[in-house]
Amino acid sequence: MTDYGLLQSSLYAVAASIVGYCAFVSVLAIPAVQNQVIYLNKVKLTWLQDVNYPEQWGFLHNQVTPFTLQTHDGETLHAWHILPLGIYHRHEDQLIKEPPGLALDITSRLSFKLLRDDPDALLVLYLHGAAGTLGSGWRPPSYRAMSASAPDKIHTIAIDYRGYGSSTGSPSESGLLIDAVSLVEWAINVAGIPPSRIVLYAQSLGTAVALSLMQHMAARSDPILFSGAVLTAPFVDIALLTATYRIAGTIPLLGPIARFPRLLSFLHTLIRAKWSNKNNIADFIRRCESLPGDALKYHITILHGQDDYDIPWAHSEQLYWHAVNATSSLGISYDELEKEKILVRKDLGAGGWSVTRQTEKGEITEMILKNGLHDVIMSYPAFAAGY
């Protein structure tokens, strides 16, 4: 092939790539496609496994009780109740006698009674990220890590949002908030656990659900505030996420378009889901700071790996700033906060570093780990800082 032929073939390849990418971006304007790009709920990752038998993921027999709960708008959510090992071992003989699989009435199970009847029990409500089910990837190992700091009292409830796994419905921003509210009301009204003994743990997309939930509950006429919240690998909002997100950590979703701010802004107007974490965390903190009383109102830990190639850890830097900025009517600039952090942050050696801003009403911690990627970090006990 001549040099001219090689040049011509190269130009054709580049042109085809540009046309293909433009077609891909155009398809993103279709709502159904947007939903899959954001939520990836059809990518189950547990196709050949029955999530009603958690022993497949290394749990002890009946350590996990699968059950369902109903949402306000009629959807059915699939859930797991994971017992901490200390409690399981004390009641193992009774637990293994119960029928395996999906519990049709969770309130009749021993595991539920052990949660409901223990005045010292703590409950983690687990809100997972996009794609998969509650049995996918690093999620099962992370459930085991949840109770590492207190294996005798930390229970975990994890759910699949609507449209995920065997839950009914289709995901949406408003729908996932309803799911989270329904979970909280089940925990408070059915399991009898007060908000002061509930911690939210969320990862990736789940951090948006958690912050939306926290803002929603704090905005009630009778505010409901949780003991704490751990936000792992969060993002600022969908606009910045789409501009920085890399599929499988390598392929930029809208990276090429991000070089053209006006075009990127136009595309953002076509995306229905906004998930503005920066606004939700700021509004939540402002509401908490304005509440009467001297007791602490919030305890938020933002956790991110520096080697997270899916969602860059710069998102956590921005989110921490929006949170701290909301603690005072005077506010603080991003650059001023960065200078302050250099002076006060705690060096964790090879682990990374952390910094905490405390007010009379609450505490916000940013913990940046040198390792952890996007999902592996979920199994680290570092999140216990949020308890």
Protein backbone atom coordinates (compact mmCIF):
# COMPACT_ATOMS: atom_id res chain seq x y z
CA MET A 1 0.00 0.00 0.00
CA THR A 2 1.35 3.45 -0.92
CA ASP A 3 1.91 6.23 1.58
CA TYR A 4 -1.14 7.97 0.12
CA GLY A 5 -3.21 4.83 0.67
CA LEU A 6 -2.08 4.58 4.30
CA LEU A 7 -2.92 8.24 4.87
CA GLN A 8 -6.33 7.80 3.27
CA SER A 9 -7.09 4.71 5.43
CA SER A 10 -6.03 6.58 8.55
CA LEU A 11 -8.28 9.51 7.70
CA TYR A 12 -11.21 7.15 7.09
CA ALA A 13 -10.59 5.50 10.47
CA VAL A 14 -10.48 8.85 12.27
CA ALA A 15 -13.62 10.04 10.48
CA ALA A 16 -15.44 6.82 11.34
CA SER A 17 -14.43 7.19 14.99
CA ILE A 18 -15.69 10.77 15.10
CA VAL A 19 -18.99 9.82 13.46
CA GLY A 20 -19.40 6.87 15.81
CA TYR A 21 -18.71 8.99 18.87
CA CYS A 22 -21.13 11.70 17.69
CA ALA A 23 -23.78 9.02 17.17
CA PHE A 24 -23.12 7.71 20.69
CA VAL A 25 -23.50 11.19 22.19
CA SER A 26 -26.71 11.74 20.20
CA VAL A 27 -28.16 8.49 21.52
CA LEU A 28 -27.51 9.76 25.07
CA ALA A 29 -30.32 12.26 24.53
CA ILE A 30 -32.79 9.36 24.61
CA PRO A 31 -34.15 9.05 28.19
CA ALA A 32 -34.07 5.24 28.23
CA VAL A 33 -30.42 5.26 27.16
CA GLN A 34 -29.59 7.91 29.76
CA ASN A 35 -31.06 5.71 32.46
CA GLN A 36 -28.86 2.79 31.50
CA VAL A 37 -25.73 4.93 31.29
CA ILE A 38 -26.38 6.43 34.75
CA TYR A 39 -27.89 3.46 36.60
CA LEU A 40 -26.68 0.38 34.65
CA ASN A 41 -29.43 -1.59 36.41
CA LYS A 42 -29.70 -4.15 33.61
CA VAL A 43 -26.08 -5.14 34.18
CA LYS A 44 -26.82 -7.58 37.02
CA LEU A 45 -23.44 -9.34 37.33
CA THR A 46 -25.16 -12.12 39.33
CA TRP A 47 -27.06 -13.72 36.42
CA LEU A 48 -26.27 -17.32 37.38
CA GLN A 49 -26.67 -16.85 41.13
CA ASP A 50 -29.80 -16.82 43.27
CA VAL A 51 -29.53 -13.80 45.58
CA ASN A 52 -31.97 -15.49 47.97
CA TYR A 53 -29.16 -17.84 49.05
CA PRO A 54 -26.34 -15.56 50.30
CA GLU A 55 -24.21 -18.52 51.41
CA GLN A 56 -22.87 -18.45 47.83
CA TRP A 57 -20.89 -15.38 48.85
CA GLY A 58 -19.28 -17.02 51.87
CA PHE A 59 -21.79 -16.11 54.54
CA LEU A 60 -22.64 -18.62 57.25
CA HIS A 61 -25.93 -20.48 56.98
CA ASN A 62 -28.76 -18.01 57.67
CA GLN A 63 -26.35 -15.29 58.71
CA VAL A 64 -28.10 -13.27 56.01
CA THR A 65 -31.88 -13.14 55.77
CA PRO A 66 -33.24 -12.13 52.33
CA PHE A 67 -36.61 -10.36 52.49
CA THR A 68 -38.69 -7.74 50.69
CA LEU A 69 -40.14 -4.39 51.68
CA GLN A 70 -42.77 -2.26 50.01
CA THR A 71 -42.36 1.34 48.89
CA HIS A 72 -44.97 4.08 49.15
CA ASP A 73 -45.66 3.90 45.43
CA GLY A 74 -46.16 0.14 45.28
CA GLU A 75 -42.74 -1.20 44.29
CA THR A 76 -41.19 -4.26 45.95
CA LEU A 77 -37.55 -4.01 46.98
CA HIS A 78 -35.31 -6.99 47.57
CA ALA A 79 -33.19 -6.71 50.72
CA TRP A 80 -30.66 -8.54 52.87
CA HIS A 81 -30.37 -8.38 56.66
CA ILE A 82 -26.79 -9.28 57.58
CA LEU A 83 -26.12 -10.34 61.16
CA PRO A 84 -22.76 -9.48 62.75
CA LEU A 85 -20.66 -12.55 63.49
CA GLY A 86 -20.65 -12.13 67.25
CA ILE A 87 -24.44 -12.25 67.46
CA TYR A 88 -24.65 -15.04 64.89
CA HIS A 89 -22.31 -17.31 66.83
CA ARG A 90 -24.27 -16.83 70.05
CA HIS A 91 -27.51 -17.88 68.36
CA GLU A 92 -26.19 -20.22 65.63
CA ASP A 93 -28.04 -23.32 66.82
CA GLN A 94 -31.39 -21.55 66.53
CA LEU A 95 -30.61 -19.68 63.33
CA ILE A 96 -29.61 -22.74 61.30
CA LYS A 97 -32.95 -24.37 62.09
CA GLU A 98 -34.89 -21.63 60.32
CA PRO A 99 -35.85 -22.18 56.66
CA PRO A 100 -33.31 -20.88 54.13
CA GLY A 101 -34.09 -18.52 51.26
CA LEU A 102 -36.45 -15.56 51.03
CA ALA A 103 -38.25 -14.77 54.29
CA LEU A 104 -41.90 -14.09 53.50
CA ASP A 105 -42.33 -12.46 56.92
CA ILE A 106 -39.06 -10.95 58.14
CA THR A 107 -40.61 -10.00 61.49
CA SER A 108 -41.02 -13.69 62.38
CA ARG A 109 -37.31 -14.42 61.98
CA LEU A 110 -34.88 -14.62 64.87
CA SER A 111 -32.41 -12.31 63.14
CA PHE A 112 -35.04 -9.55 63.01
CA LYS A 113 -35.93 -10.03 66.69
CA LEU A 114 -32.26 -9.85 67.63
CA LEU A 115 -32.12 -6.46 65.94
CA ARG A 116 -35.44 -5.14 67.22
CA ASP A 117 -35.04 -6.26 70.83
CA ASP A 118 -31.46 -5.12 71.45
CA PRO A 119 -31.43 -1.55 72.83
CA ASP A 120 -27.72 -1.27 71.98
CA ALA A 121 -27.96 -2.50 68.41
CA LEU A 122 -26.65 -0.24 65.65
CA LEU A 123 -28.03 -0.45 62.13
CA VAL A 124 -26.17 0.34 58.91
CA LEU A 125 -28.42 1.12 55.95
CA TYR A 126 -26.36 0.25 52.89
CA LEU A 127 -26.97 2.09 49.60
CA HIS A 128 -24.94 0.57 46.78
CA GLY A 129 -23.62 2.05 43.57
CA ALA A 130 -24.66 1.65 39.93
CA ALA A 131 -24.83 -1.72 38.18
CA GLY A 132 -25.09 -5.15 39.70
CA THR A 133 -27.15 -6.32 42.65
CA LEU A 134 -26.63 -6.42 46.39
CA GLY A 135 -24.62 -9.62 45.80
CA SER A 136 -22.23 -8.21 43.18
CA GLY A 137 -18.50 -7.58 43.29
CA TRP A 138 -17.07 -6.16 46.48
CA ARG A 139 -20.44 -5.60 48.12
CA PRO A 140 -20.61 -8.89 50.08
CA PRO A 141 -17.08 -8.43 51.51
CA SER A 142 -18.03 -4.90 52.50
CA TYR A 143 -21.04 -6.16 54.47
CA ARG A 144 -18.67 -8.31 56.51
CA ALA A 145 -16.45 -5.30 57.11
CA MET A 146 -19.38 -3.24 58.39
CA SER A 147 -19.38 -4.87 61.81
CA ALA A 148 -15.59 -5.09 62.17
CA SER A 149 -15.51 -2.42 64.88
CA ALA A 150 -18.38 -3.95 66.89
CA PRO A 151 -19.15 -7.58 65.88
CA ASP A 152 -21.71 -7.87 68.67
CA LYS A 153 -24.03 -5.05 67.71
CA ILE A 154 -23.73 -3.68 64.14
CA HIS A 155 -26.43 -5.06 61.84
CA THR A 156 -26.58 -4.19 58.13
CA ILE A 157 -29.58 -3.87 55.83
CA ALA A 158 -28.78 -3.65 52.12
CA ILE A 159 -31.36 -3.13 49.38
CA ASP A 160 -31.56 -3.35 45.63
CA TYR A 161 -33.23 -0.19 44.36
CA ARG A 162 -36.20 -0.40 42.03
CA GLY A 163 -35.20 -1.96 38.72
CA TYR A 164 -32.12 -3.64 40.22
CA GLY A 165 -31.85 -7.39 40.77
CA SER A 166 -35.24 -8.85 41.63
CA SER A 167 -36.74 -5.54 42.77
CA THR A 168 -39.65 -4.27 40.69
CA GLY A 169 -39.90 -1.00 38.75
CA SER A 170 -37.40 1.19 36.93
CA PRO A 171 -34.79 3.53 38.46
CA SER A 172 -35.16 7.30 38.49
CA GLU A 173 -33.95 10.12 40.70
CA SER A 174 -37.29 10.52 42.45
CA GLY A 175 -37.84 6.75 42.59
CA LEU A 176 -34.56 5.97 44.33
CA LEU A 177 -35.34 8.64 46.93
CA ILE A 178 -38.68 6.94 47.59
CA ASP A 179 -36.83 3.63 47.99
CA ALA A 180 -34.45 5.14 50.55
CA VAL A 181 -37.26 6.84 52.48
CA SER A 182 -39.20 3.56 52.55
CA LEU A 183 -36.12 1.76 53.91
CA VAL A 184 -35.67 4.34 56.67
CA GLU A 185 -39.32 4.22 57.66
CA TRP A 186 -39.15 0.40 57.76
CA ALA A 187 -36.10 0.62 60.02
CA ILE A 188 -37.75 3.11 62.37
CA ASN A 189 -41.36 1.93 62.38
CA VAL A 190 -41.03 -1.83 61.84
CA ALA A 191 -37.60 -2.69 63.26
CA GLY A 192 -37.97 -0.04 65.96
CA ILE A 193 -34.48 1.44 65.54
CA PRO A 194 -34.33 5.18 66.30
CA PRO A 195 -32.39 7.44 63.89
CA SER A 196 -29.77 7.96 66.62
CA ARG A 197 -28.73 4.32 66.11
CA ILE A 198 -28.78 4.37 62.29
CA VAL A 199 -25.76 5.02 60.08
CA LEU A 200 -25.98 5.45 56.31
CA TYR A 201 -23.24 3.80 54.27
CA ALA A 202 -23.20 4.68 50.57
CA GLN A 203 -20.89 4.18 47.62
CA SER A 204 -20.75 5.90 44.22
CA LEU A 205 -24.34 6.35 42.99
CA GLY A 206 -25.47 5.40 46.50
CA THR A 207 -23.87 8.59 47.86
CA ALA A 208 -26.32 10.60 45.76
CA VAL A 209 -29.21 8.57 47.14
CA ALA A 210 -27.91 9.05 50.69
CA LEU A 211 -27.47 12.81 50.38
CA SER A 212 -30.87 13.20 48.76
CA LEU A 213 -32.33 11.17 51.63
CA MET A 214 -30.50 13.17 54.32
CA GLN A 215 -31.63 16.48 52.85
CA HIS A 216 -35.21 15.21 52.48
CA MET A 217 -35.43 13.96 56.07
CA ALA A 218 -33.81 17.10 57.50
CA ALA A 219 -36.29 19.29 55.61
CA ARG A 220 -39.30 17.71 57.34
CA SER A 221 -41.27 19.70 59.91
CA ASP A 222 -39.99 17.13 62.43
CA PRO A 223 -36.42 16.62 61.13
CA ILE A 224 -34.97 13.10 61.18
CA LEU A 225 -31.19 13.05 61.58
CA PHE A 226 -29.04 9.93 61.53
CA SER A 227 -26.13 8.99 63.76
CA GLY A 228 -23.75 9.33 60.83
CA ALA A 229 -23.17 8.93 57.12
CA VAL A 230 -20.20 7.47 55.24
CA LEU A 231 -19.97 8.57 51.61
CA THR A 232 -17.52 6.44 49.64
CA ALA A 233 -16.36 7.55 46.17
CA PRO A 234 -18.98 10.31 45.87
CA PHE A 235 -19.41 12.73 43.00
CA VAL A 236 -20.31 16.42 42.89
CA ASP A 237 -23.26 16.14 40.49
CA ILE A 238 -24.18 14.42 37.25
CA ALA A 239 -22.86 17.33 35.19
CA LEU A 240 -19.32 17.04 36.54
CA LEU A 241 -19.53 13.26 36.73
CA THR A 242 -20.28 12.88 33.03
CA ALA A 243 -17.46 15.27 32.21
CA THR A 244 -14.91 13.26 34.23
CA TYR A 245 -16.23 9.69 34.34
CA ARG A 246 -14.22 6.97 32.61
CA ILE A 247 -15.88 3.69 31.64
CA ALA A 248 -13.87 0.84 33.18
CA GLY A 249 -11.48 3.53 34.35
CA THR A 250 -10.09 4.10 30.84
CA ILE A 251 -12.68 5.31 28.31
CA PRO A 252 -13.81 8.93 28.92
CA LEU A 253 -17.59 9.21 28.61
CA LEU A 254 -17.79 12.87 27.59
CA GLY A 255 -14.14 13.78 27.97
CA PRO A 256 -13.70 14.93 24.35
CA ILE A 257 -16.77 17.18 24.58
CA ALA A 258 -15.64 18.60 27.93
CA ARG A 259 -13.13 20.64 25.95
CA PHE A 260 -16.05 22.61 24.55
CA PRO A 261 -17.87 24.06 27.60
CA ARG A 262 -20.87 25.43 25.70
CA LEU A 263 -21.51 22.14 23.93
CA LEU A 264 -21.11 20.25 27.22
CA SER A 265 -23.53 22.61 28.96
CA PHE A 266 -26.07 22.05 26.20
CA LEU A 267 -25.78 18.28 26.57
CA HIS A 268 -26.31 18.59 30.32
CA THR A 269 -29.66 20.30 29.69
CA LEU A 270 -30.76 17.09 27.96
CA ILE A 271 -29.89 14.87 30.94
CA ARG A 272 -32.92 14.43 33.17
CA ALA A 273 -31.19 13.08 36.29
CA LYS A 274 -29.30 15.84 38.10
CA TRP A 275 -28.25 14.25 41.40
CA SER A 276 -26.78 17.49 42.74
CA ASN A 277 -24.80 16.18 45.69
CA LYS A 278 -23.11 19.53 46.24
CA ASN A 279 -26.46 21.27 46.72
CA ASN A 280 -27.95 18.49 48.85
CA ILE A 281 -25.00 18.31 51.25
CA ALA A 282 -24.89 22.11 51.57
CA ASP A 283 -28.62 22.39 52.20
CA PHE A 284 -28.52 19.54 54.71
CA ILE A 285 -25.71 21.15 56.71
CA ARG A 286 -27.31 24.60 56.66
CA ARG A 287 -30.52 23.11 58.04
CA CYS A 288 -28.63 21.23 60.75
CA GLU A 289 -26.62 24.31 61.71
CA SER A 290 -29.85 26.29 62.16
CA LEU A 291 -31.50 23.71 64.44
CA PRO A 292 -31.86 24.58 68.14
CA GLY A 293 -29.97 22.73 70.85
CA ASP A 294 -26.33 22.01 71.59
CA ALA A 295 -26.24 18.32 70.65
CA LEU A 296 -24.35 17.28 67.53
CA LYS A 297 -26.69 17.08 64.55
CA TYR A 298 -24.54 15.43 61.89
CA HIS A 299 -21.43 13.32 61.40
CA ILE A 300 -20.35 12.93 57.77
CA THR A 301 -17.30 11.05 56.49
CA ILE A 302 -16.25 11.41 52.85
CA LEU A 303 -14.00 8.54 51.78
CA HIS A 304 -12.17 8.24 48.44
CA GLY A 305 -9.22 6.40 46.93
CA GLN A 306 -6.57 8.37 45.09
CA ASP A 307 -6.37 5.53 42.59
CA ASP A 308 -10.10 5.62 41.80
CA TYR A 309 -10.11 5.69 38.00
CA ASP A 310 -13.90 5.68 37.68
CA ILE A 311 -14.70 8.78 39.74
CA PRO A 312 -11.61 10.96 40.36
CA TRP A 313 -11.01 11.84 44.00
CA ALA A 314 -11.20 15.53 43.05
CA HIS A 315 -14.96 15.05 43.40
CA SER A 316 -14.52 14.42 47.13
CA GLU A 317 -12.32 17.51 47.41
CA GLN A 318 -15.10 19.60 45.87
CA LEU A 319 -17.85 17.97 47.93
CA TYR A 320 -15.93 18.52 51.17
CA TRP A 321 -15.55 22.20 50.29
CA HIS A 322 -19.29 22.58 49.58
CA ALA A 323 -19.99 20.95 52.96
CA VAL A 324 -17.55 23.11 54.95
CA ASN A 325 -18.61 26.25 53.11
CA ALA A 326 -22.18 25.65 54.28
CA THR A 327 -21.25 25.54 57.97
CA SER A 328 -20.95 29.31 58.21
CA SER A 329 -22.83 32.26 56.76
CA LEU A 330 -19.45 33.80 55.95
CA GLY A 331 -18.36 30.76 53.96
CA ILE A 332 -14.84 29.96 52.83
CA SER A 333 -13.27 29.88 49.38
CA TYR A 334 -11.98 26.64 47.91
CA ASP A 335 -8.40 27.93 47.87
CA GLU A 336 -8.59 29.12 51.48
CA LEU A 337 -9.85 25.73 52.60
CA GLU A 338 -7.06 23.95 50.71
CA LYS A 339 -4.46 26.05 52.53
CA GLU A 340 -6.13 25.29 55.85
CA LYS A 341 -6.21 21.57 55.11
CA ILE A 342 -2.46 21.47 54.49
CA LEU A 343 -1.90 22.84 58.01
CA VAL A 344 -4.35 20.65 59.94
CA ARG A 345 -4.71 17.39 58.05
CA LYS A 346 -3.72 14.14 59.74
CA ASP A 347 -1.03 12.11 58.01
CA LEU A 348 -1.97 8.42 57.79
CA GLY A 349 1.38 7.40 56.35
CA ALA A 350 1.10 4.89 53.52
CA GLY A 351 -2.66 4.89 54.09
CA GLY A 352 -3.24 8.47 52.99
CA TRP A 353 -4.55 11.42 55.01
CA SER A 354 -7.65 12.85 56.63
CA VAL A 355 -8.97 16.22 57.71
CA THR A 356 -11.91 17.13 59.92
CA ARG A 357 -13.95 20.30 60.27
CA GLN A 358 -15.98 20.45 63.47
CA THR A 359 -18.63 22.95 64.46
CA GLU A 360 -20.92 23.19 67.46
CA LYS A 361 -23.56 21.28 65.49
CA GLY A 362 -21.62 18.64 63.60
CA GLU A 363 -18.51 17.14 62.10
CA ILE A 364 -17.33 16.61 58.53
CA THR A 365 -14.34 14.37 57.76
CA GLU A 366 -12.58 13.90 54.45
CA MET A 367 -10.43 10.77 54.28
CA ILE A 368 -8.34 10.21 51.18
CA LEU A 369 -6.67 6.79 50.92
CA LYS A 370 -3.74 6.16 48.61
CA ASN A 371 -5.22 2.83 47.53
CA GLY A 372 -8.70 1.38 47.24
CA LEU A 373 -9.75 1.90 43.62
CA HIS A 374 -13.49 2.46 43.14
CA ASP A 375 -14.89 -0.72 44.69
CA VAL A 376 -12.17 -2.42 46.74
CA ILE A 377 -12.26 0.47 49.21
CA MET A 378 -15.73 -0.67 50.30
CA SER A 379 -14.22 -3.65 52.10
CA TYR A 380 -11.78 -1.49 54.10
CA PRO A 381 -12.59 -0.85 57.77
CA ALA A 382 -11.72 2.83 57.30
CA PHE A 383 -15.41 3.64 56.89
CA ALA A 384 -15.91 2.87 60.60
CA ALA A 385 -14.79 6.46 61.19
CA GLY A 386 -18.33 7.44 60.31
CA TYR A 387 -19.92 5.47 63.15
